[in-house]
Amino acid sequence: TVNLICMAHIDGNEATDRVAQQLNEEGQMSVTVTTVQGKRILRVCIGGTQTRKTHVVAAWQRIAEAGAAATS
């Protein structure tokens, strides 16, 4: 079972931070950011006992939308 998904925006650290900020400000989901070898990494936990596939799909859609917005 996968509990923690880690990803980074292709455009780098600032874009990754913008994605995290947007998602957390919206309040529909919560993400954390860490730094690994100088690269900012977005972390999403999907291992909760009440988490369903629909939640994961919705989260991925929001992350993708925030990622697209981070480059505009």
PDB file of N, CA and C in Angstrom:
ATOM      1  N   THR A   1       0.837  -1.183   0.000  1.00  0.00           N
ATOM      2  CA  THR A   1       0.000   0.000   0.000  1.00  0.00           C
ATOM      3  C   THR A   1       0.876   1.239   0.000  1.00  0.00           C
ATOM      4  N   VAL A   2       0.527   2.178  -0.851  1.00  0.00           N
ATOM      5  CA  VAL A   2       1.245   3.440  -0.913  1.00  0.00           C
ATOM      6  C   VAL A   2       0.553   4.428   0.018  1.00  0.00           C
ATOM      7  N   ASN A   3       1.314   5.030   0.922  1.00  0.00           N
ATOM      8  CA  ASN A   3       0.733   5.990   1.857  1.00  0.00           C
ATOM      9  C   ASN A   3       1.121   7.426   1.570  1.00  0.00           C
ATOM     10  N   LEU A   4       2.324   7.614   1.062  1.00  0.00           N
ATOM     11  CA  LEU A   4       2.824   8.963   0.854  1.00  0.00           C
ATOM     12  C   LEU A   4       3.283   9.107  -0.591  1.00  0.00           C
ATOM     13  N   ILE A   5       2.736  10.098  -1.281  1.00  0.00           N
ATOM     14  CA  ILE A   5       3.113  10.392  -2.655  1.00  0.00           C
ATOM     15  C   ILE A   5       3.976  11.655  -2.625  1.00  0.00           C
ATOM     16  N   CYS A   6       5.127  11.587  -3.276  1.00  0.00           N
ATOM     17  CA  CYS A   6       6.040  12.728  -3.335  1.00  0.00           C
ATOM     18  C   CYS A   6       6.229  13.130  -4.785  1.00  0.00           C
ATOM     19  N   MET A   7       6.206  14.446  -5.041  1.00  0.00           N
ATOM     20  CA  MET A   7       6.361  14.935  -6.410  1.00  0.00           C
ATOM     21  C   MET A   7       6.902  16.351  -6.363  1.00  0.00           C
ATOM     22  N   ALA A   8       7.423  16.786  -7.505  1.00  0.00           N
ATOM     23  CA  ALA A   8       7.915  18.154  -7.635  1.00  0.00           C
ATOM     24  C   ALA A   8       7.462  18.701  -8.975  1.00  0.00           C
ATOM     25  N   HIS A   9       7.255  19.993  -9.020  1.00  0.00           N
ATOM     26  CA  HIS A   9       6.869  20.638 -10.267  1.00  0.00           C
ATOM     27  C   HIS A   9       8.078  20.665 -11.191  1.00  0.00           C
ATOM     28  N   ILE A  10       7.874  20.395 -12.436  1.00  0.00           N
ATOM     29  CA  ILE A  10       8.954  20.347 -13.417  1.00  0.00           C
ATOM     30  C   ILE A  10       9.673  21.692 -13.552  1.00  0.00           C
ATOM     31  N   ASP A  11       8.993  22.784 -13.224  1.00  0.00           N
ATOM     32  CA  ASP A  11       9.588  24.113 -13.340  1.00  0.00           C
ATOM     33  C   ASP A  11      10.394  24.514 -12.108  1.00  0.00           C
ATOM     34  N   GLY A  12      10.538  23.629 -11.145  1.00  0.00           N
ATOM     35  CA  GLY A  12      11.440  23.894 -10.026  1.00  0.00           C
ATOM     36  C   GLY A  12      10.790  24.239  -8.706  1.00  0.00           C
ATOM     37  N   ASN A  13      11.660  24.674  -7.798  1.00  0.00           N
ATOM     38  CA  ASN A  13      11.277  24.882  -6.403  1.00  0.00           C
ATOM     39  C   ASN A  13      10.172  25.921  -6.220  1.00  0.00           C
ATOM     40  N   GLU A  14      10.285  27.050  -6.892  1.00  0.00           N
ATOM     41  CA  GLU A  14       9.281  28.109  -6.710  1.00  0.00           C
ATOM     42  C   GLU A  14       7.911  27.646  -7.188  1.00  0.00           C
ATOM     43  N   ALA A  15       7.870  26.931  -8.290  1.00  0.00           N
ATOM     44  CA  ALA A  15       6.587  26.425  -8.802  1.00  0.00           C
ATOM     45  C   ALA A  15       6.010  25.390  -7.846  1.00  0.00           C
ATOM     46  N   THR A  16       6.854  24.533  -7.298  1.00  0.00           N
ATOM     47  CA  THR A  16       6.387  23.542  -6.324  1.00  0.00           C
ATOM     48  C   THR A  16       5.796  24.239  -5.105  1.00  0.00           C
ATOM     49  N   ASP A  17       6.468  25.272  -4.622  1.00  0.00           N
ATOM     50  CA  ASP A  17       5.951  26.033  -3.479  1.00  0.00           C
ATOM     51  C   ASP A  17       4.625  26.713  -3.806  1.00  0.00           C
ATOM     52  N   ARG A  18       4.484  27.244  -5.031  1.00  0.00           N
ATOM     53  CA  ARG A  18       3.218  27.882  -5.424  1.00  0.00           C
ATOM     54  C   ARG A  18       2.076  26.859  -5.451  1.00  0.00           C
ATOM     55  N   VAL A  19       2.354  25.664  -5.925  1.00  0.00           N
ATOM     56  CA  VAL A  19       1.333  24.609  -5.944  1.00  0.00           C
ATOM     57  C   VAL A  19       0.891  24.297  -4.518  1.00  0.00           C
ATOM     58  N   ALA A  20       1.838  24.087  -3.634  1.00  0.00           N
ATOM     59  CA  ALA A  20       1.509  23.771  -2.236  1.00  0.00           C
ATOM     60  C   ALA A  20       0.707  24.900  -1.595  1.00  0.00           C
ATOM     61  N   GLN A  21       1.133  26.130  -1.811  1.00  0.00           N
ATOM     62  CA  GLN A  21       0.436  27.265  -1.221  1.00  0.00           C
ATOM     63  C   GLN A  21      -1.001  27.340  -1.723  1.00  0.00           C
ATOM     64  N   GLN A  22      -1.191  27.191  -3.029  1.00  0.00           N
ATOM     65  CA  GLN A  22      -2.537  27.266  -3.586  1.00  0.00           C
ATOM     66  C   GLN A  22      -3.425  26.164  -3.014  1.00  0.00           C
ATOM     67  N   LEU A  23      -2.927  24.935  -2.989  1.00  0.00           N
ATOM     68  CA  LEU A  23      -3.730  23.818  -2.489  1.00  0.00           C
ATOM     69  C   LEU A  23      -4.102  24.017  -1.032  1.00  0.00           C
ATOM     70  N   ASN A  24      -3.146  24.430  -0.208  1.00  0.00           N
ATOM     71  CA  ASN A  24      -3.429  24.607   1.211  1.00  0.00           C
ATOM     72  C   ASN A  24      -4.362  25.786   1.470  1.00  0.00           C
ATOM     73  N   GLU A  25      -4.247  26.842   0.677  1.00  0.00           N
ATOM     74  CA  GLU A  25      -5.138  27.995   0.853  1.00  0.00           C
ATOM     75  C   GLU A  25      -6.573  27.661   0.468  1.00  0.00           C
ATOM     76  N   GLU A  26      -6.753  26.787  -0.534  1.00  0.00           N
ATOM     77  CA  GLU A  26      -8.105  26.406  -0.958  1.00  0.00           C
ATOM     78  C   GLU A  26      -8.825  25.640   0.144  1.00  0.00           C
ATOM     79  N   GLY A  27      -8.095  24.888   0.948  1.00  0.00           N
ATOM     80  CA  GLY A  27      -8.674  24.190   2.080  1.00  0.00           C
ATOM     81  C   GLY A  27      -9.355  22.871   1.785  1.00  0.00           C
ATOM     82  N   GLN A  28      -9.339  22.414   0.532  1.00  0.00           N
ATOM     83  CA  GLN A  28      -9.968  21.131   0.209  1.00  0.00           C
ATOM     84  C   GLN A  28      -9.052  19.956   0.515  1.00  0.00           C
ATOM     85  N   MET A  29      -7.761  20.223   0.546  1.00  0.00           N
ATOM     86  CA  MET A  29      -6.781  19.197   0.861  1.00  0.00           C
ATOM     87  C   MET A  29      -5.584  19.874   1.510  1.00  0.00           C
ATOM     88  N   SER A  30      -4.770  19.084   2.161  1.00  0.00           N
ATOM     89  CA  SER A  30      -3.587  19.608   2.825  1.00  0.00           C
ATOM     90  C   SER A  30      -2.360  18.878   2.304  1.00  0.00           C
ATOM     91  N   VAL A  31      -1.340  19.635   1.945  1.00  0.00           N
ATOM     92  CA  VAL A  31      -0.088  19.051   1.477  1.00  0.00           C
ATOM     93  C   VAL A  31       1.056  19.645   2.292  1.00  0.00           C
ATOM     94  N   THR A  32       2.169  18.952   2.308  1.00  0.00           N
ATOM     95  CA  THR A  32       3.366  19.475   2.953  1.00  0.00           C
ATOM     96  C   THR A  32       4.479  19.535   1.919  1.00  0.00           C
ATOM     97  N   VAL A  33       5.471  20.355   2.215  1.00  0.00           N
ATOM     98  CA  VAL A  33       6.615  20.497   1.325  1.00  0.00           C
ATOM     99  C   VAL A  33       7.873  20.279   2.154  1.00  0.00           C
ATOM    100  N   THR A  34       8.843  19.608   1.562  1.00  0.00           N
ATOM    101  CA  THR A  34      10.142  19.424   2.194  1.00  0.00           C
ATOM    102  C   THR A  34      11.214  19.665   1.151  1.00  0.00           C
ATOM    103  N   THR A  35      12.447  19.708   1.586  1.00  0.00           N
ATOM    104  CA  THR A  35      13.571  19.883   0.673  1.00  0.00           C
ATOM    105  C   THR A  35      14.465  18.653   0.751  1.00  0.00           C
ATOM    106  N   VAL A  36      14.756  18.071  -0.410  1.00  0.00           N
ATOM    107  CA  VAL A  36      15.636  16.922  -0.512  1.00  0.00           C
ATOM    108  C   VAL A  36      16.748  17.269  -1.504  1.00  0.00           C
ATOM    109  N   GLN A  37      17.956  17.331  -1.008  1.00  0.00           N
ATOM    110  CA  GLN A  37      19.115  17.667  -1.844  1.00  0.00           C
ATOM    111  C   GLN A  37      18.871  18.935  -2.668  1.00  0.00           C
ATOM    112  N   GLY A  38      18.318  19.937  -1.999  1.00  0.00           N
ATOM    113  CA  GLY A  38      18.087  21.230  -2.632  1.00  0.00           C
ATOM    114  C   GLY A  38      16.843  21.326  -3.488  1.00  0.00           C
ATOM    115  N   LYS A  39      16.110  20.246  -3.624  1.00  0.00           N
ATOM    116  CA  LYS A  39      14.899  20.242  -4.455  1.00  0.00           C
ATOM    117  C   LYS A  39      13.665  20.214  -3.565  1.00  0.00           C
ATOM    118  N   ARG A  40      12.726  21.135  -3.821  1.00  0.00           N
ATOM    119  CA  ARG A  40      11.476  21.177  -3.060  1.00  0.00           C
ATOM    120  C   ARG A  40      10.576  20.048  -3.531  1.00  0.00           C
ATOM    121  N   ILE A  41      10.013  19.324  -2.578  1.00  0.00           N
ATOM    122  CA  ILE A  41       9.183  18.156  -2.851  1.00  0.00           C
ATOM    123  C   ILE A  41       7.820  18.341  -2.182  1.00  0.00           C
ATOM    124  N   LEU A  42       6.766  18.149  -2.956  1.00  0.00           N
ATOM    125  CA  LEU A  42       5.389  18.208  -2.470  1.00  0.00           C
ATOM    126  C   LEU A  42       5.002  16.818  -1.983  1.00  0.00           C
ATOM    127  N   ARG A  43       4.415  16.729  -0.801  1.00  0.00           N
ATOM    128  CA  ARG A  43       4.024  15.438  -0.238  1.00  0.00           C
ATOM    129  C   ARG A  43       2.521  15.401   0.037  1.00  0.00           C
ATOM    130  N   VAL A  44       1.909  14.294  -0.368  1.00  0.00           N
ATOM    131  CA  VAL A  44       0.480  14.086  -0.172  1.00  0.00           C
ATOM    132  C   VAL A  44       0.300  12.699   0.444  1.00  0.00           C
ATOM    133  N   CYS A  45      -0.375  12.628   1.566  1.00  0.00           N
ATOM    134  CA  CYS A  45      -0.638  11.350   2.212  1.00  0.00           C
ATOM    135  C   CYS A  45      -2.017  10.853   1.788  1.00  0.00           C
ATOM    136  N   ILE A  46      -2.066   9.640   1.267  1.00  0.00           N
ATOM    137  CA  ILE A  46      -3.343   9.073   0.817  1.00  0.00           C
ATOM    138  C   ILE A  46      -3.657   7.762   1.543  1.00  0.00           C
ATOM    139  N   GLY A  47      -3.020   7.542   2.684  1.00  0.00           N
ATOM    140  CA  GLY A  47      -3.168   6.264   3.371  1.00  0.00           C
ATOM    141  C   GLY A  47      -4.165   6.251   4.507  1.00  0.00           C
ATOM    142  N   GLY A  48      -5.026   7.248   4.595  1.00  0.00           N
ATOM    143  CA  GLY A  48      -6.014   7.270   5.663  1.00  0.00           C
ATOM    144  C   GLY A  48      -7.048   6.166   5.504  1.00  0.00           C
ATOM    145  N   THR A  49      -7.580   5.688   6.606  1.00  0.00           N
ATOM    146  CA  THR A  49      -8.539   4.587   6.550  1.00  0.00           C
ATOM    147  C   THR A  49      -9.834   4.963   5.834  1.00  0.00           C
ATOM    148  N   GLN A  50     -10.162   6.247   5.795  1.00  0.00           N
ATOM    149  CA  GLN A  50     -11.381   6.690   5.122  1.00  0.00           C
ATOM    150  C   GLN A  50     -11.134   7.146   3.683  1.00  0.00           C
ATOM    151  N   THR A  51      -9.879   7.105   3.228  1.00  0.00           N
ATOM    152  CA  THR A  51      -9.545   7.553   1.872  1.00  0.00           C
ATOM    153  C   THR A  51     -10.017   6.530   0.851  1.00  0.00           C
ATOM    154  N   ARG A  52     -10.704   7.010  -0.159  1.00  0.00           N
ATOM    155  CA  ARG A  52     -11.220   6.160  -1.229  1.00  0.00           C
ATOM    156  C   ARG A  52     -10.613   6.601  -2.559  1.00  0.00           C
ATOM    157  N   LYS A  53     -10.790   5.784  -3.565  1.00  0.00           N
ATOM    158  CA  LYS A  53     -10.255   6.087  -4.888  1.00  0.00           C
ATOM    159  C   LYS A  53     -10.754   7.435  -5.379  1.00  0.00           C
ATOM    160  N   THR A  54     -12.001   7.745  -5.126  1.00  0.00           N
ATOM    161  CA  THR A  54     -12.547   9.027  -5.578  1.00  0.00           C
ATOM    162  C   THR A  54     -11.790  10.202  -4.959  1.00  0.00           C
ATOM    163  N   HIS A  55     -11.344  10.058  -3.712  1.00  0.00           N
ATOM    164  CA  HIS A  55     -10.574  11.112  -3.052  1.00  0.00           C
ATOM    165  C   HIS A  55      -9.214  11.283  -3.734  1.00  0.00           C
ATOM    166  N   VAL A  56      -8.578  10.170  -4.064  1.00  0.00           N
ATOM    167  CA  VAL A  56      -7.259  10.221  -4.706  1.00  0.00           C
ATOM    168  C   VAL A  56      -7.370  10.842  -6.097  1.00  0.00           C
ATOM    169  N   VAL A  57      -8.381  10.450  -6.848  1.00  0.00           N
ATOM    170  CA  VAL A  57      -8.588  11.011  -8.187  1.00  0.00           C
ATOM    171  C   VAL A  57      -8.851  12.516  -8.096  1.00  0.00           C
ATOM    172  N   ALA A  58      -9.684  12.925  -7.164  1.00  0.00           N
ATOM    173  CA  ALA A  58      -9.988  14.349  -6.997  1.00  0.00           C
ATOM    174  C   ALA A  58      -8.734  15.124  -6.582  1.00  0.00           C
ATOM    175  N   ALA A  59      -7.943  14.540  -5.695  1.00  0.00           N
ATOM    176  CA  ALA A  59      -6.705  15.197  -5.262  1.00  0.00           C
ATOM    177  C   ALA A  59      -5.754  15.360  -6.442  1.00  0.00           C
ATOM    178  N   TRP A  60      -5.597  14.322  -7.237  1.00  0.00           N
ATOM    179  CA  TRP A  60      -4.708  14.401  -8.390  1.00  0.00           C
ATOM    180  C   TRP A  60      -5.180  15.487  -9.364  1.00  0.00           C
ATOM    181  N   GLN A  61      -6.479  15.591  -9.582  1.00  0.00           N
ATOM    182  CA  GLN A  61      -7.003  16.622 -10.476  1.00  0.00           C
ATOM    183  C   GLN A  61      -6.674  18.018  -9.953  1.00  0.00           C
ATOM    184  N   ARG A  62      -6.831  18.223  -8.642  1.00  0.00           N
ATOM    185  CA  ARG A  62      -6.521  19.528  -8.050  1.00  0.00           C
ATOM    186  C   ARG A  62      -5.032  19.829  -8.137  1.00  0.00           C
ATOM    187  N   ILE A  63      -4.198  18.821  -7.905  1.00  0.00           N
ATOM    188  CA  ILE A  63      -2.753  19.023  -8.001  1.00  0.00           C
ATOM    189  C   ILE A  63      -2.372  19.393  -9.429  1.00  0.00           C
ATOM    190  N   ALA A  64      -2.939  18.701 -10.401  1.00  0.00           N
ATOM    191  CA  ALA A  64      -2.648  18.987 -11.806  1.00  0.00           C
ATOM    192  C   ALA A  64      -3.087  20.409 -12.170  1.00  0.00           C
ATOM    193  N   GLU A  65      -4.253  20.817 -11.713  1.00  0.00           N
ATOM    194  CA  GLU A  65      -4.755  22.161 -12.006  1.00  0.00           C
ATOM    195  C   GLU A  65      -3.861  23.223 -11.347  1.00  0.00           C
ATOM    196  N   ALA A  66      -3.472  22.981 -10.108  1.00  0.00           N
ATOM    197  CA  ALA A  66      -2.591  23.930  -9.412  1.00  0.00           C
ATOM    198  C   ALA A  66      -1.227  23.963 -10.083  1.00  0.00           C
ATOM    199  N   GLY A  67      -0.774  22.822 -10.563  1.00  0.00           N
ATOM    200  CA  GLY A  67       0.515  22.780 -11.265  1.00  0.00           C
ATOM    201  C   GLY A  67       0.479  23.579 -12.552  1.00  0.00           C
ATOM    202  N   ALA A  68      -0.612  23.481 -13.285  1.00  0.00           N
ATOM    203  CA  ALA A  68      -0.756  24.251 -14.524  1.00  0.00           C
ATOM    204  C   ALA A  68      -0.817  25.747 -14.215  1.00  0.00           C
ATOM    205  N   ALA A  69      -1.512  26.101 -13.150  1.00  0.00           N
ATOM    206  CA  ALA A  69      -1.633  27.510 -12.768  1.00  0.00           C
ATOM    207  C   ALA A  69      -0.311  28.084 -12.278  1.00  0.00           C
ATOM    208  N   ALA A  70       0.550  27.239 -11.737  1.00  0.00           N
ATOM    209  CA  ALA A  70       1.824  27.705 -11.185  1.00  0.00           C
ATOM    210  C   ALA A  70       2.787  28.187 -12.255  1.00  0.00           C
ATOM    211  N   THR A  71       2.523  27.825 -13.510  1.00  0.00           N
ATOM    212  CA  THR A  71       3.418  28.236 -14.590  1.00  0.00           C
ATOM    213  C   THR A  71       2.875  29.420 -15.373  1.00  0.00           C
ATOM    214  N   SER A  72       1.646  29.830 -15.064  1.00  0.00           N
ATOM    215  CA  SER A  72       1.086  30.947 -15.839  1.00  0.00           C
ATOM    216  C   SER A  72       1.339  32.277 -15.184  1.00  0.00           C
TER     217      SER A  72
END
